[in-house]
């Protein structure tokens, strides 16, 4: 059975996920326009780490 704290964390993460994805999309677009491929790769790596943590 899932603990109350874990259920709250999952609910909170589900609420923020669309906003976080929108922010990532905006940041990615800006970084591409600026030619900042190094920063884009770092952002992608950070997102991959967060996805693994959430799984």
Protein backbone atom coordinates (compact mmCIF):
# COMPACT_ATOMS: atom_id res chain seq x y z
CA UNK A 1 0.00 0.00 0.00
CA UNK A 2 1.25 3.47 -0.89
CA UNK A 3 2.04 5.80 1.97
CA UNK A 4 0.12 9.04 2.31
CA UNK A 5 3.30 11.06 1.74
CA UNK A 6 4.11 9.17 -1.48
CA UNK A 7 0.55 9.65 -2.74
CA UNK A 8 0.84 13.38 -2.05
CA UNK A 9 4.18 13.52 -3.87
CA UNK A 10 2.71 11.75 -6.90
CA UNK A 11 -0.27 14.12 -6.97
CA UNK A 12 2.01 17.15 -6.71
CA UNK A 13 4.29 15.83 -9.47
CA UNK A 14 1.31 15.15 -11.73
CA UNK A 15 0.09 18.70 -11.20
CA UNK A 16 3.46 20.26 -12.02
CA UNK A 17 4.44 17.99 -14.90
CA UNK A 18 2.58 19.91 -17.66
CA UNK A 19 3.96 23.24 -16.42
CA UNK A 20 7.47 21.81 -16.21
CA UNK A 21 7.26 20.36 -19.71
CA UNK A 22 6.04 23.71 -21.08
CA UNK A 23 8.96 25.47 -19.35
CA UNK A 24 11.39 22.92 -20.80
CA UNK A 25 9.95 23.44 -24.27
CA UNK A 26 10.31 27.21 -23.96
CA UNK A 27 13.86 26.94 -22.67
CA UNK A 28 14.77 24.47 -25.40
CA UNK A 29 13.41 26.72 -28.14
CA UNK A 30 15.29 29.73 -26.77
CA UNK A 31 18.54 27.78 -26.46
CA UNK A 32 18.19 26.52 -30.04
CA UNK A 33 17.61 30.07 -31.31
CA UNK A 34 20.73 31.22 -29.48
CA UNK A 35 22.81 28.31 -30.80
CA UNK A 36 23.48 27.15 -27.23
CA UNK A 37 23.69 23.44 -28.00
CA UNK A 38 25.92 22.79 -24.99
CA UNK A 39 23.30 24.22 -22.63
CA UNK A 40 20.54 22.34 -24.46
CA UNK A 41 22.41 19.06 -23.94
CA UNK A 42 22.81 19.87 -20.24
CA UNK A 43 19.09 20.64 -19.95
CA UNK A 44 18.23 17.35 -21.66
CA UNK A 45 20.54 15.43 -19.32
CA UNK A 46 18.92 17.08 -16.30
CA UNK A 47 15.46 16.18 -17.58
CA UNK A 48 16.57 12.55 -18.15
CA UNK A 49 17.82 12.38 -14.56
CA UNK A 50 14.51 13.72 -13.22
CA UNK A 51 12.52 11.25 -15.34
CA UNK A 52 14.58 8.36 -13.92
CA UNK A 53 14.06 9.61 -10.37
CA UNK A 54 10.29 9.78 -10.91
CA UNK A 55 10.11 6.23 -12.27
